[in-house]
Structures are given as C-alpha cells and as structure tokens.
PDB file of N, CA and C in Angstrom:
ATOM      1  N   MET A   1     106.071 111.670  97.905  1.00  0.00           N
ATOM      2  CA  MET A   1     105.215 111.026  98.882  1.00  0.00           C
ATOM      3  C   MET A   1     105.833 111.197 100.263  1.00  0.00           C
ATOM      4  N   ASN A   2     105.053 111.627 101.216  1.00  0.00           N
ATOM      5  CA  ASN A   2     105.522 111.792 102.583  1.00  0.00           C
ATOM      6  C   ASN A   2     105.430 110.450 103.292  1.00  0.00           C
ATOM      7  N   THR A   3     106.567 109.910 103.692  1.00  0.00           N
ATOM      8  CA  THR A   3     106.570 108.607 104.356  1.00  0.00           C
ATOM      9  C   THR A   3     106.927 108.736 105.827  1.00  0.00           C
ATOM     10  N   GLU A   4     106.618 109.880 106.419  1.00  0.00           N
ATOM     11  CA  GLU A   4     106.918 110.061 107.832  1.00  0.00           C
ATOM     12  C   GLU A   4     105.848 109.388 108.670  1.00  0.00           C
ATOM     13  N   ILE A   5     106.299 108.629 109.657  1.00  0.00           N
ATOM     14  CA  ILE A   5     105.379 107.951 110.568  1.00  0.00           C
ATOM     15  C   ILE A   5     105.526 108.584 111.937  1.00  0.00           C
ATOM     16  N   LYS A   6     104.421 108.958 112.531  1.00  0.00           N
ATOM     17  CA  LYS A   6     104.452 109.484 113.891  1.00  0.00           C
ATOM     18  C   LYS A   6     103.698 108.520 114.792  1.00  0.00           C
ATOM     19  N   THR A   7     104.201 108.342 115.984  1.00  0.00           N
ATOM     20  CA  THR A   7     103.574 107.417 116.917  1.00  0.00           C
ATOM     21  C   THR A   7     103.175 108.145 118.183  1.00  0.00           C
ATOM     22  N   THR A   8     102.112 107.682 118.803  1.00  0.00           N
ATOM     23  CA  THR A   8     101.689 108.246 120.079  1.00  0.00           C
ATOM     24  C   THR A   8     101.869 107.237 121.200  1.00  0.00           C
ATOM     25  N   GLU A   9     102.553 106.145 120.905  1.00  0.00           N
ATOM     26  CA  GLU A   9     102.781 105.123 121.924  1.00  0.00           C
ATOM     27  C   GLU A   9     103.701 105.665 123.003  1.00  0.00           C
ATOM     28  N   THR A  10     103.586 105.111 124.196  1.00  0.00           N
ATOM     29  CA  THR A  10     104.393 105.581 125.315  1.00  0.00           C
ATOM     30  C   THR A  10     105.754 104.915 125.387  1.00  0.00           C
ATOM     31  N   SER A  11     106.008 103.932 124.570  1.00  0.00           N
ATOM     32  CA  SER A  11     107.330 103.318 124.586  1.00  0.00           C
ATOM     33  C   SER A  11     107.746 103.018 123.165  1.00  0.00           C
ATOM     34  N   PRO A  12     108.982 102.957 122.828  1.00  0.00           N
ATOM     35  CA  PRO A  12     110.114 103.175 123.715  1.00  0.00           C
ATOM     36  C   PRO A  12     110.392 104.649 123.991  1.00  0.00           C
ATOM     37  N   ALA A  13     109.995 105.554 123.112  1.00  0.00           N
ATOM     38  CA  ALA A  13     110.249 106.977 123.356  1.00  0.00           C
ATOM     39  C   ALA A  13     109.003 107.774 122.977  1.00  0.00           C
ATOM     40  N   PRO A  14     108.317 108.332 123.953  1.00  0.00           N
ATOM     41  CA  PRO A  14     107.077 109.066 123.675  1.00  0.00           C
ATOM     42  C   PRO A  14     107.287 110.218 122.699  1.00  0.00           C
ATOM     43  N   GLY A  15     106.357 110.365 121.773  1.00  0.00           N
ATOM     44  CA  GLY A  15     106.375 111.494 120.866  1.00  0.00           C
ATOM     45  C   GLY A  15     107.448 111.471 119.798  1.00  0.00           C
ATOM     46  N   THR A  16     108.079 110.344 119.589  1.00  0.00           N
ATOM     47  CA  THR A  16     109.121 110.287 118.569  1.00  0.00           C
ATOM     48  C   THR A  16     108.500 110.072 117.199  1.00  0.00           C
ATOM     49  N   ALA A  17     109.218 110.482 116.190  1.00  0.00           N
ATOM     50  CA  ALA A  17     108.784 110.261 114.814  1.00  0.00           C
ATOM     51  C   ALA A  17     109.893 109.517 114.086  1.00  0.00           C
ATOM     52  N   THR A  18     109.507 108.617 113.222  1.00  0.00           N
ATOM     53  CA  THR A  18     110.467 107.880 112.417  1.00  0.00           C
ATOM     54  C   THR A  18     110.220 108.238 110.966  1.00  0.00           C
ATOM     55  N   THR A  19     111.252 108.641 110.284  1.00  0.00           N
ATOM     56  CA  THR A  19     111.130 108.951 108.865  1.00  0.00           C
ATOM     57  C   THR A  19     111.695 107.788 108.078  1.00  0.00           C
ATOM     58  N   LEU A  20     110.899 107.256 107.187  1.00  0.00           N
ATOM     59  CA  LEU A  20     111.329 106.138 106.358  1.00  0.00           C
ATOM     60  C   LEU A  20     112.161 106.651 105.194  1.00  0.00           C
ATOM     61  N   SER A  21     112.946 105.789 104.630  1.00  0.00           N
ATOM     62  CA  SER A  21     113.800 106.137 103.498  1.00  0.00           C
ATOM     63  C   SER A  21     112.969 106.698 102.346  1.00  0.00           C
ATOM     64  N   ALA A  22     113.474 107.748 101.716  1.00  0.00           N
ATOM     65  CA  ALA A  22     112.778 108.347 100.580  1.00  0.00           C
ATOM     66  C   ALA A  22     112.680 107.375  99.414  1.00  0.00           C
ATOM     67  N   GLY A  23     113.570 106.392  99.356  1.00  0.00           N
ATOM     68  CA  GLY A  23     113.558 105.412  98.280  1.00  0.00           C
ATOM     69  C   GLY A  23     112.634 104.237  98.529  1.00  0.00           C
ATOM     70  N   LEU A  24     111.929 104.251  99.650  1.00  0.00           N
ATOM     71  CA  LEU A  24     111.028 103.150  99.979  1.00  0.00           C
ATOM     72  C   LEU A  24     109.897 103.075  98.962  1.00  0.00           C
ATOM     73  N   LYS A  25     109.689 101.916  98.397  1.00  0.00           N
ATOM     74  CA  LYS A  25     108.616 101.702  97.422  1.00  0.00           C
ATOM     75  C   LYS A  25     107.534 100.839  98.066  1.00  0.00           C
ATOM     76  N   LEU A  26     106.338 101.366  98.161  1.00  0.00           N
ATOM     77  CA  LEU A  26     105.218 100.624  98.722  1.00  0.00           C
ATOM     78  C   LEU A  26     104.393 100.044  97.587  1.00  0.00           C
ATOM     79  N   ARG A  27     103.783  98.901  97.835  1.00  0.00           N
ATOM     80  CA  ARG A  27     102.919  98.273  96.836  1.00  0.00           C
ATOM     81  C   ARG A  27     101.768  97.600  97.564  1.00  0.00           C
ATOM     82  N   PRO A  28     100.675  97.363  96.867  1.00  0.00           N
ATOM     83  CA  PRO A  28      99.558  96.646  97.489  1.00  0.00           C
ATOM     84  C   PRO A  28      99.977  95.215  97.843  1.00  0.00           C
ATOM     85  N   ALA A  29      99.394  94.696  98.883  1.00  0.00           N
ATOM     86  CA  ALA A  29      99.650  93.301  99.261  1.00  0.00           C
ATOM     87  C   ALA A  29      99.109  92.370  98.181  1.00  0.00           C
ATOM     88  N   GLN A  30      99.754  91.224  98.049  1.00  0.00           N
ATOM     89  CA  GLN A  30      99.338  90.217  97.082  1.00  0.00           C
ATOM     90  C   GLN A  30      99.131  88.902  97.822  1.00  0.00           C
ATOM     91  N   TRP A  31      98.399  87.975  97.203  1.00  0.00           N
ATOM     92  CA  TRP A  31      98.152  86.686  97.846  1.00  0.00           C
ATOM     93  C   TRP A  31      99.452  85.955  98.151  1.00  0.00           C
ATOM     94  N   ALA A  32     100.485  86.180  97.360  1.00  0.00           N
ATOM     95  CA  ALA A  32     101.782  85.541  97.609  1.00  0.00           C
ATOM     96  C   ALA A  32     102.402  86.028  98.923  1.00  0.00           C
ATOM     97  N   ASP A  33     101.903  87.143  99.452  1.00  0.00           N
ATOM     98  CA  ASP A  33     102.407  87.699 100.710  1.00  0.00           C
ATOM     99  C   ASP A  33     101.749  87.072 101.935  1.00  0.00           C
ATOM    100  N   LEU A  34     100.763  86.215 101.729  1.00  0.00           N
ATOM    101  CA  LEU A  34      99.953  85.706 102.834  1.00  0.00           C
ATOM    102  C   LEU A  34     100.784  85.055 103.937  1.00  0.00           C
ATOM    103  N   LYS A  35     101.617  84.095 103.595  1.00  0.00           N
ATOM    104  CA  LYS A  35     102.392  83.394 104.624  1.00  0.00           C
ATOM    105  C   LYS A  35     103.416  84.306 105.307  1.00  0.00           C
ATOM    106  N   PRO A  36     104.168  85.136 104.565  1.00  0.00           N
ATOM    107  CA  PRO A  36     105.083  86.051 105.261  1.00  0.00           C
ATOM    108  C   PRO A  36     104.360  87.048 106.170  1.00  0.00           C
ATOM    109  N   VAL A  37     103.198  87.520 105.759  1.00  0.00           N
ATOM    110  CA  VAL A  37     102.433  88.438 106.602  1.00  0.00           C
ATOM    111  C   VAL A  37     101.950  87.717 107.854  1.00  0.00           C
ATOM    112  N   THR A  38     101.484  86.486 107.693  1.00  0.00           N
ATOM    113  CA  THR A  38     101.052  85.690 108.842  1.00  0.00           C
ATOM    114  C   THR A  38     102.212  85.492 109.816  1.00  0.00           C
ATOM    115  N   GLN A  39     103.403  85.216 109.289  1.00  0.00           N
ATOM    116  CA  GLN A  39     104.578  85.037 110.144  1.00  0.00           C
ATOM    117  C   GLN A  39     104.941  86.337 110.854  1.00  0.00           C
ATOM    118  N   LEU A  40     104.839  87.456 110.152  1.00  0.00           N
ATOM    119  CA  LEU A  40     105.115  88.751 110.765  1.00  0.00           C
ATOM    120  C   LEU A  40     104.149  89.027 111.915  1.00  0.00           C
ATOM    121  N   ILE A  41     102.875  88.741 111.702  1.00  0.00           N
ATOM    122  CA  ILE A  41     101.872  88.926 112.756  1.00  0.00           C
ATOM    123  C   ILE A  41     102.228  88.069 113.966  1.00  0.00           C
ATOM    124  N   LEU A  42     102.586  86.806 113.734  1.00  0.00           N
ATOM    125  CA  LEU A  42     102.963  85.915 114.834  1.00  0.00           C
ATOM    126  C   LEU A  42     104.194  86.444 115.560  1.00  0.00           C
ATOM    127  N   ASP A  43     105.203  86.877 114.821  1.00  0.00           N
ATOM    128  CA  ASP A  43     106.426  87.403 115.441  1.00  0.00           C
ATOM    129  C   ASP A  43     106.127  88.607 116.332  1.00  0.00           C
ATOM    130  N   VAL A  44     105.267  89.503 115.861  1.00  0.00           N
ATOM    131  CA  VAL A  44     104.905  90.681 116.649  1.00  0.00           C
ATOM    132  C   VAL A  44     104.128  90.271 117.894  1.00  0.00           C
ATOM    133  N   CYS A  45     103.199  89.336 117.745  1.00  0.00           N
ATOM    134  CA  CYS A  45     102.415  88.870 118.892  1.00  0.00           C
ATOM    135  C   CYS A  45     103.316  88.201 119.930  1.00  0.00           C
ATOM    136  N   ILE A  46     104.291  87.416 119.474  1.00  0.00           N
ATOM    137  CA  ILE A  46     105.243  86.786 120.392  1.00  0.00           C
ATOM    138  C   ILE A  46     106.057  87.860 121.108  1.00  0.00           C
ATOM    139  N   ALA A  47     106.529  88.856 120.365  1.00  0.00           N
ATOM    140  CA  ALA A  47     107.310  89.940 120.969  1.00  0.00           C
ATOM    141  C   ALA A  47     106.486  90.711 121.998  1.00  0.00           C
ATOM    142  N   ASP A  48     105.173  90.815 121.751  1.00  0.00           N
ATOM    143  CA  ASP A  48     104.281  91.501 122.686  1.00  0.00           C
ATOM    144  C   ASP A  48     103.855  90.611 123.843  1.00  0.00           C
ATOM    145  N   GLY A  49     104.236  89.323 123.787  1.00  0.00           N
ATOM    146  CA  GLY A  49     103.967  88.424 124.898  1.00  0.00           C
ATOM    147  C   GLY A  49     102.686  87.622 124.806  1.00  0.00           C
ATOM    148  N   ASP A  50     101.967  87.665 123.687  1.00  0.00           N
ATOM    149  CA  ASP A  50     100.723  86.906 123.589  1.00  0.00           C
ATOM    150  C   ASP A  50     100.517  86.346 122.184  1.00  0.00           C
ATOM    151  N   PRO A  51     101.189  85.233 121.862  1.00  0.00           N
ATOM    152  CA  PRO A  51     101.043  84.648 120.531  1.00  0.00           C
ATOM    153  C   PRO A  51      99.660  84.064 120.262  1.00  0.00           C
ATOM    154  N   THR A  52      98.838  83.931 121.298  1.00  0.00           N
ATOM    155  CA  THR A  52      97.514  83.334 121.102  1.00  0.00           C
ATOM    156  C   THR A  52      96.588  84.232 120.291  1.00  0.00           C
ATOM    157  N   VAL A  53      96.912  85.511 120.160  1.00  0.00           N
ATOM    158  CA  VAL A  53      96.043  86.410 119.399  1.00  0.00           C
ATOM    159  C   VAL A  53      96.414  86.469 117.919  1.00  0.00           C
ATOM    160  N   ALA A  54      97.488  85.795 117.526  1.00  0.00           N
ATOM    161  CA  ALA A  54      97.903  85.780 116.116  1.00  0.00           C
ATOM    162  C   ALA A  54      96.888  85.009 115.282  1.00  0.00           C
ATOM    163  N   VAL A  55      96.676  85.480 114.070  1.00  0.00           N
ATOM    164  CA  VAL A  55      95.761  84.796 113.154  1.00  0.00           C
ATOM    165  C   VAL A  55      96.541  83.832 112.271  1.00  0.00           C
ATOM    166  N   THR A  56      95.845  82.834 111.754  1.00  0.00           N
ATOM    167  CA  THR A  56      96.461  81.874 110.843  1.00  0.00           C
ATOM    168  C   THR A  56      96.296  82.357 109.406  1.00  0.00           C
ATOM    169  N   SER A  57      97.036  81.738 108.503  1.00  0.00           N
ATOM    170  CA  SER A  57      96.893  82.063 107.078  1.00  0.00           C
ATOM    171  C   SER A  57      95.472  81.796 106.607  1.00  0.00           C
ATOM    172  N   GLU A  58      94.887  80.717 107.104  1.00  0.00           N
ATOM    173  CA  GLU A  58      93.522  80.361 106.713  1.00  0.00           C
ATOM    174  C   GLU A  58      92.528  81.431 107.159  1.00  0.00           C
ATOM    175  N   GLU A  59      92.739  81.990 108.353  1.00  0.00           N
ATOM    176  CA  GLU A  59      91.846  83.045 108.834  1.00  0.00           C
ATOM    177  C   GLU A  59      91.984  84.308 107.984  1.00  0.00           C
ATOM    178  N   LEU A  60      93.196  84.616 107.564  1.00  0.00           N
ATOM    179  CA  LEU A  60      93.398  85.797 106.728  1.00  0.00           C
ATOM    180  C   LEU A  60      92.808  85.623 105.336  1.00  0.00           C
ATOM    181  N   GLU A  61      92.734  84.392 104.868  1.00  0.00           N
ATOM    182  CA  GLU A  61      92.177  84.137 103.535  1.00  0.00           C
ATOM    183  C   GLU A  61      90.691  84.433 103.463  1.00  0.00           C
ATOM    184  N   ARG A  62      90.014  84.392 104.592  1.00  0.00           N
ATOM    185  CA  ARG A  62      88.566  84.617 104.594  1.00  0.00           C
ATOM    186  C   ARG A  62      88.230  86.031 104.430  1.00  0.00           C
TER     187      ARG A  62
END
C-alpha cells in the first residue's frame, strides 16, 4: 500500500511530501473513536486560531 502523502499547502514548506511509515496500519473509524476524533478536531482548530469552527461529539453522531 502506498502511504505517501503529498500536500499543496503553502506552509510550512511548499511542495513537500511526507512518507508515512511502511508499518502504519490503517483501519476504519469506530464509534469508540468519537471523542478522541472530536478532541483532535478541536486541537487542530485551536492551532489554526479558530476553535469556534470545531464540531461537538453530538454533531458528529448525526
């Protein structure tokens, strides 16, 4: 499985590619992942400077 990710974002380094570990195992999301995923979304929104756009666990359940 090719796990190479390429980005077109202008920061931090334009045109860079990140290769993930060959041992990375991906799996479908499960309902038990709901709260950690919600927290991850909030953390990213805070890092981007706008936590008001983060969704709640209840919103994701719908």
